[in-house]
Protein backbone atom coordinates (compact mmCIF):
# COMPACT_ATOMS: atom_id res chain seq x y z
CA MET A 1 -23.30 9.20 -13.44
CA PRO A 2 -20.27 9.90 -15.65
CA LEU A 3 -17.00 8.61 -14.17
CA THR A 4 -15.45 12.10 -13.85
CA ALA A 5 -18.45 13.37 -11.92
CA MET A 6 -18.46 10.25 -9.77
CA TRP A 7 -14.79 10.75 -8.78
CA LYS A 8 -15.45 14.42 -7.97
CA THR A 9 -18.37 13.39 -5.79
CA ARG A 10 -16.23 10.83 -3.98
CA ALA A 11 -13.53 13.46 -3.42
CA LEU A 12 -16.13 15.71 -1.77
CA ILE A 13 -17.34 12.81 0.37
CA PHE A 14 -13.73 12.11 1.38
CA ALA A 15 -13.27 15.74 2.45
CA ALA A 16 -16.55 15.81 4.38
CA LEU A 17 -15.81 12.48 6.01
CA VAL A 18 -12.61 13.68 7.67
CA GLY A 19 -14.21 16.92 8.79
CA VAL A 20 -12.21 19.29 6.63
CA SER A 21 -12.87 21.61 3.75
CA SER A 22 -10.61 22.70 0.96
CA ALA A 23 -10.46 26.24 -0.37
CA ALA A 24 -9.73 24.97 -3.86
CA ALA A 25 -10.21 21.60 -5.53
CA ALA A 26 -7.07 19.51 -5.85
CA GLU A 27 -5.62 19.11 -9.33
CA PHE A 28 -3.56 16.07 -10.25
CA THR A 29 -1.10 15.99 -13.12
CA VAL A 30 -0.27 12.40 -14.05
CA GLU A 31 2.37 11.98 -16.75
CA LYS A 32 4.52 9.19 -18.14
CA SER A 33 8.27 9.46 -17.67
CA ASP A 34 11.33 7.36 -18.48
CA ARG A 35 10.99 5.65 -15.08
CA GLY A 36 7.22 5.20 -15.08
CA VAL A 37 4.59 7.79 -14.17
CA SER A 38 4.88 10.91 -12.05
CA VAL A 39 1.90 12.06 -9.98
CA LYS A 40 1.86 15.74 -9.07
CA LEU A 41 -0.64 17.46 -6.78
CA ASP A 42 -1.14 21.13 -7.61
CA GLY A 43 2.19 21.11 -9.44
CA LYS A 44 4.24 19.43 -6.69
CA LEU A 45 5.37 15.82 -6.65
CA PHE A 46 3.06 13.55 -4.67
CA THR A 47 4.57 10.24 -5.79
CA GLU A 48 6.05 8.38 -8.73
CA TYR A 49 5.05 4.98 -10.01
CA VAL A 50 8.46 3.46 -10.76
CA ILE A 51 8.03 0.53 -13.13
CA ARG A 52 11.15 -1.24 -11.89
CA SER A 53 13.05 -0.94 -8.63
CA GLY A 54 14.87 -4.09 -7.60
CA THR A 55 12.53 -6.79 -8.89
CA LYS A 56 9.18 -4.97 -8.87
CA PRO A 57 7.21 -1.80 -9.56
CA ILE A 58 6.90 0.53 -6.56
CA LEU A 59 5.57 3.93 -5.50
CA TRP A 60 8.38 6.23 -4.38
CA PRO A 61 8.68 8.77 -2.91
CA ILE A 62 5.35 9.13 -1.11
CA ASN A 63 4.88 12.70 0.10
CA GLY A 64 2.15 13.19 2.69
CA PRO A 65 0.44 16.38 3.90
CA GLY A 66 2.69 19.37 3.51
CA GLY A 67 4.92 17.43 1.15
CA VAL A 68 6.56 15.46 3.99
CA PRO A 69 8.00 12.09 2.84
CA LEU A 70 6.33 9.32 4.84
CA THR A 71 8.16 6.26 3.48
CA ARG A 72 11.83 5.38 3.80
CA GLU A 73 14.24 6.47 1.06
CA TYR A 74 16.48 3.36 1.22
CA SER A 75 17.16 1.42 -0.94
CA MET A 76 16.22 3.76 -3.78
CA ARG A 77 18.76 6.27 -2.52
CA LYS A 78 20.98 6.58 0.54
CA VAL A 79 20.31 9.25 3.14
CA ALA A 80 22.74 9.91 5.98
CA GLY A 81 21.54 8.43 9.26
CA GLU A 82 18.76 6.36 7.73
CA SER A 83 18.45 2.61 8.38
CA HIS A 84 19.75 0.26 5.68
CA ASP A 85 18.16 -3.06 6.65
CA HIS A 86 15.86 -5.09 4.37
CA PRO A 87 16.80 -3.51 1.01
CA HIS A 88 13.73 -5.12 -0.60
CA HIS A 89 11.44 -2.89 1.51
CA ARG A 90 11.07 -0.32 -1.26
CA SER A 91 8.65 2.41 -0.17
CA LEU A 92 5.33 0.81 -1.30
CA TRP A 93 4.85 -2.42 -3.26
CA PHE A 94 2.83 -5.60 -3.81
CA THR A 95 4.61 -8.97 -3.90
CA HIS A 96 4.48 -12.34 -2.13
CA GLY A 97 7.10 -14.71 -0.78
CA LYS A 98 5.66 -17.99 -2.12
CA VAL A 99 3.89 -18.14 -5.48
CA ASN A 100 4.17 -21.66 -6.87
CA GLY A 101 7.15 -21.90 -4.54
CA ILE A 102 8.82 -18.83 -6.06
CA ASP A 103 9.99 -15.98 -3.83
CA PHE A 104 8.82 -12.62 -5.20
CA TRP A 105 9.44 -10.85 -1.87
CA SER A 106 13.11 -10.93 -0.90
CA GLU A 107 14.99 -9.99 -4.10
CA SER A 108 17.35 -12.90 -3.47
CA ALA A 109 19.52 -14.42 -6.21
CA LYS A 110 16.74 -16.88 -7.08
CA ALA A 111 13.85 -14.46 -6.67
CA GLY A 112 11.14 -13.94 -9.23
CA GLU A 113 10.46 -10.62 -10.95
CA ILE A 114 7.29 -8.61 -11.46
CA ARG A 115 7.88 -7.00 -14.84
CA HIS A 116 5.86 -4.05 -16.07
CA ARG A 117 4.21 -4.76 -19.43
CA ASP A 118 2.07 -1.72 -20.26
CA PHE A 119 -0.11 1.09 -18.98
CA ALA A 120 -3.80 0.70 -19.77
CA GLU A 121 -4.60 4.19 -18.47
CA VAL A 122 -2.78 7.26 -17.16
CA ARG A 123 -4.98 10.21 -16.30
CA GLY A 124 -5.05 13.32 -14.12
CA GLY A 125 -7.73 15.82 -13.09
CA SER A 126 -9.59 16.12 -9.78
CA THR A 127 -8.18 12.66 -9.04
CA GLY A 128 -5.17 10.87 -10.47
CA ARG A 129 -5.46 7.41 -11.99
CA ILE A 130 -2.98 4.77 -13.19
CA VAL A 131 -3.88 1.34 -14.55
CA ALA A 132 -0.82 -0.89 -15.09
CA LEU A 133 -0.38 -4.42 -16.43
CA ASP A 134 2.40 -6.70 -15.18
CA ASP A 135 3.82 -10.18 -15.72
CA TRP A 136 5.16 -12.28 -12.84
CA LEU A 137 8.24 -14.19 -14.03
CA ASP A 138 10.31 -16.90 -12.40
CA HIS A 139 14.11 -16.74 -12.15
CA ASP A 140 14.43 -18.19 -15.68
CA GLY A 141 12.07 -15.60 -17.17
CA GLU A 142 9.11 -17.96 -17.53
CA LYS A 143 5.73 -16.35 -16.94
CA VAL A 144 3.93 -17.52 -13.80
CA CYS A 145 0.88 -15.21 -13.75
CA GLU A 146 -0.13 -11.63 -14.48
CA ASP A 147 -1.77 -8.71 -12.73
CA ARG A 148 -3.82 -5.61 -13.45
CA ARG A 149 -3.44 -2.90 -10.83
CA THR A 150 -5.48 0.27 -10.52
CA LEU A 151 -4.17 3.18 -8.46
CA VAL A 152 -6.35 6.20 -7.67
CA PHE A 153 -5.00 9.32 -5.96
CA ARG A 154 -7.09 11.86 -4.01
CA ALA A 155 -6.47 14.79 -1.70
CA ALA A 156 -8.28 16.92 0.85
CA GLU A 157 -6.94 19.44 3.34
CA GLY A 158 -4.73 17.58 5.80
CA GLN A 159 -5.02 14.24 4.02
CA ARG A 160 -4.02 12.43 0.86
CA SER A 161 -5.04 8.95 -0.20
CA ILE A 162 -4.01 6.17 -2.57
CA ASP A 163 -6.37 3.38 -3.56
CA PHE A 164 -4.49 0.27 -4.65
CA ASP A 165 -6.60 -2.44 -6.28
CA ILE A 166 -4.87 -5.44 -7.83
CA ARG A 167 -6.29 -8.44 -9.65
CA ILE A 168 -3.89 -11.39 -10.08
CA THR A 169 -4.87 -13.91 -12.76
CA ALA A 170 -3.65 -17.48 -13.18
CA SER A 171 -2.90 -16.88 -16.85
CA ASN A 172 -0.27 -19.64 -17.17
CA GLY A 173 -1.64 -22.51 -15.14
CA ARG A 174 -2.64 -23.13 -11.55
CA LEU A 175 -1.31 -20.77 -8.87
CA VAL A 176 -0.63 -21.55 -5.24
CA PHE A 177 -0.01 -18.66 -2.87
CA GLY A 178 1.84 -20.20 0.08
CA ASP A 179 1.49 -19.56 3.79
CA THR A 180 4.40 -17.26 4.64
CA LYS A 181 4.78 -14.09 6.65
CA GLU A 182 6.62 -12.53 3.71
CA GLY A 183 3.80 -10.69 2.01
CA SER A 184 2.06 -8.96 0.44
CA PHE A 185 0.82 -5.33 0.10
CA GLY A 186 3.53 -3.48 1.95
CA LEU A 187 5.23 -0.22 2.69
CA ARG A 188 8.20 0.82 4.81
CA VAL A 189 7.56 3.87 6.95
CA ALA A 190 10.12 6.65 7.35
CA ASP A 191 12.48 6.01 10.28
CA TRP A 192 11.02 8.82 12.41
CA LEU A 193 7.60 7.13 12.17
CA LYS A 194 8.63 3.71 13.46
CA VAL A 195 8.00 2.56 17.03
CA ASP A 196 11.55 1.38 17.68
CA PRO A 197 14.21 4.00 18.56
CA PRO A 198 15.01 6.51 17.27
CA GLY A 199 11.37 6.68 16.20
CA HIS A 200 8.49 7.66 18.49
CA GLY A 201 5.68 6.04 16.56
CA ARG A 202 2.60 4.09 17.49
CA ILE A 203 0.80 1.25 15.74
CA ILE A 204 -2.91 0.75 16.38
CA ASN A 205 -5.45 -1.47 14.61
CA SER A 206 -9.23 -1.38 14.23
CA ASP A 207 -9.63 -3.46 17.40
CA GLY A 208 -7.46 -1.15 19.50
CA VAL A 209 -4.45 -3.50 19.58
CA THR A 210 -1.21 -1.55 19.64
CA ASP A 211 2.46 -1.73 18.69
CA GLU A 212 4.13 -5.16 18.81
CA ALA A 213 0.86 -6.89 19.76
CA ALA A 214 -0.70 -5.85 16.42
CA TRP A 215 1.66 -8.16 14.51
CA GLY A 216 -0.09 -11.22 13.08
CA LYS A 217 -3.58 -10.03 14.04
CA ARG A 218 -6.51 -9.72 11.64
CA ALA A 219 -8.05 -6.27 11.39
CA SER A 220 -10.00 -4.02 9.04
CA TRP A 221 -7.35 -1.32 9.23
CA VAL A 222 -4.06 -0.40 10.87
CA ASP A 223 -2.64 3.05 11.54
CA TYR A 224 1.03 4.00 12.04
CA HIS A 225 1.70 7.55 13.32
CA ALA A 226 4.28 9.63 15.18
CA PRO A 227 5.20 13.21 16.09
CA ARG A 228 7.66 14.31 13.46
CA GLY A 229 9.99 16.04 15.89
CA GLY A 230 9.99 13.14 18.36
CA GLN A 231 8.06 12.78 21.60
CA GLY A 232 7.92 16.14 23.32
CA GLY A 233 9.73 17.77 20.42
CA GLY A 234 6.74 19.85 19.39
CA GLY A 235 6.65 18.40 15.89
CA GLN A 236 3.49 17.80 13.92
CA THR A 237 1.99 14.31 14.22
CA LEU A 238 1.62 12.59 10.86
CA GLY A 239 0.59 9.07 9.99
CA ILE A 240 -0.27 6.38 7.48
CA ALA A 241 -3.35 4.19 7.64
CA ILE A 242 -3.97 1.15 5.46
CA LEU A 243 -7.62 0.10 5.07
CA ASN A 244 -8.62 -3.34 3.77
CA HIS A 245 -11.87 -3.30 1.77
CA PRO A 246 -14.42 -6.01 2.70
CA SER A 247 -14.52 -7.20 -0.94
CA SER A 248 -10.77 -7.88 -0.85
CA PHE A 249 -9.69 -11.51 -0.82
CA ARG A 250 -9.87 -13.07 2.65
CA TYR A 251 -10.92 -9.88 4.47
CA PRO A 252 -10.06 -9.00 7.18
CA THR A 253 -6.42 -9.56 6.35
CA TYR A 254 -3.61 -10.57 8.68
CA TRP A 255 -1.05 -7.83 9.28
CA HIS A 256 2.71 -8.22 8.99
CA VAL A 257 3.29 -4.91 10.76
CA ARG A 258 6.53 -4.43 12.66
CA THR A 259 7.73 -1.88 15.19
CA TYR A 260 10.91 -1.39 13.11
CA GLY A 261 8.89 0.09 10.24
CA LEU A 262 7.52 -2.67 7.98
CA PHE A 263 3.79 -2.22 7.40
CA ALA A 264 2.15 -4.96 5.31
CA ALA A 265 -1.24 -6.60 4.76
CA ASN A 266 -0.90 -10.36 4.20
CA PRO A 267 -4.01 -12.55 3.72
CA PHE A 268 -1.91 -15.71 3.24
CA GLY A 269 0.19 -15.78 6.43
CA LYS A 270 -2.24 -17.55 8.77
CA ASN A 271 0.18 -20.07 10.31
CA GLU A 272 3.44 -18.14 10.05
CA LEU A 273 1.96 -14.94 11.44
CA THR A 274 0.00 -16.53 14.27
CA GLY A 275 2.43 -19.28 15.18
CA VAL A 276 -0.39 -21.83 15.09
CA LYS A 277 0.43 -24.85 12.92
CA GLU A 278 -2.89 -26.12 11.66
CA LYS A 279 -4.64 -27.24 8.49
CA PRO A 280 -5.86 -25.71 6.35
CA ASP A 281 -3.10 -23.15 6.54
CA GLY A 282 -3.16 -19.75 4.86
CA SER A 283 -2.36 -21.01 1.38
CA ALA A 284 -4.73 -20.30 -1.51
CA THR A 285 -5.05 -22.05 -4.88
CA VAL A 286 -6.17 -20.22 -8.02
CA GLU A 287 -7.30 -22.43 -10.88
CA PRO A 288 -6.20 -21.64 -14.47
CA GLY A 289 -7.97 -18.58 -15.83
CA GLN A 290 -9.29 -17.52 -12.41
CA SER A 291 -8.28 -14.47 -10.37
CA LEU A 292 -7.87 -13.09 -6.88
CA THR A 293 -8.58 -9.41 -6.16
CA PHE A 294 -7.10 -7.34 -3.34
CA ARG A 295 -8.24 -3.83 -2.41
CA TYR A 296 -6.59 -1.34 -0.08
CA ARG A 297 -6.81 2.36 0.67
CA VAL A 298 -3.75 4.16 2.04
CA ILE A 299 -4.50 7.39 3.90
CA LEU A 300 -1.63 9.82 4.56
CA HIS A 301 -2.85 12.08 7.32
CA GLU A 302 -2.24 14.72 9.93
CA GLY A 303 -2.76 13.77 13.59
CA ASP A 304 -3.27 10.37 15.17
CA GLU A 305 -5.90 7.81 14.11
CA LYS A 306 -8.66 9.56 16.06
CA GLN A 307 -7.84 13.05 14.82
CA ALA A 308 -7.70 11.65 11.27
CA HIS A 309 -11.05 9.85 11.73
CA VAL A 310 -9.61 6.61 10.41
CA ALA A 311 -12.47 4.45 11.76
CA GLU A 312 -15.00 6.70 10.03
CA ALA A 313 -12.94 6.65 6.84
CA PHE A 314 -13.02 2.85 6.87
CA ALA A 315 -16.81 2.81 7.39
CA GLU A 316 -17.23 5.03 4.33
CA TYR A 317 -14.73 3.03 2.28
CA ALA A 318 -16.52 -0.22 3.14
CA LYS A 319 -19.69 1.10 1.51
CA GLU A 320 -18.01 1.67 -1.85
CA GLN A 321 -18.94 -0.44 -4.85
CA PHE A 322 -16.11 -1.09 -7.26
CA ASP A 323 -16.76 -0.31 -10.90
CA ARG A 324 -13.33 1.04 -11.88
CA GLU A 325 -11.78 -2.12 -13.34
């Protein structure tokens, strides 16, 4: 099957899966800009792939169903009344806190940098698609490793999704990803979505574990949702689910998901996330020339996890074979 037809078929499956239909097929316009690549859905901004924000590429803003921003604005721009903690929590990103001992997570004075090198593909249509190449550099600018990341954007009525697949290659010698809670595929939810006040959100994972208890647990997926107008405020419930594909490294991942709004999948944080000090810990070694691949699907949805059929969406996602790289 040609790739275009395949993506259209998958978009139809996605719509059927969540029990909705769309009066007209979505159309994505994906175009390069001075900052990176803009992704528009039916002429309106869905998100932008920003090639550098702080020390890494990010997606920001991320507009969910109805165009509602679902990730925090800070520290890309300041909004009155919004929280200003953890300035390195930039909307949506992939980094890690210990790569050959180098901190790519915190944006500290000695932090490493993930530097955009090139785009291998930028394409719109019934889905949007970005393939980007990056170099991971230490504080002195020496290359540590490289990645190839593929982002695919889809939409159906009441839902939008982002597939984020990343392959990290030990291009410049052996790599050691250290056991730390500070990782890896992360996003920072909008303040009204978080569990902690003033938010009215809820965290729930694929095993039914909720809120603070979901931190450090392994799970196939986690969902973070809230009523937009606050509990009892009559606002629409919206949410974000992150699904971890079974072919992703060390599935099911541990989750560094916090009630204050951090939402991250971290396959390396075994000891730091569980509090159990044992060997082997969560570290992973990649020999020269070898790679690790991580695969996630982010679903931006109306309703809670049941109304959005997140468990069913994961079951369908788990069946997918990956031939996009």
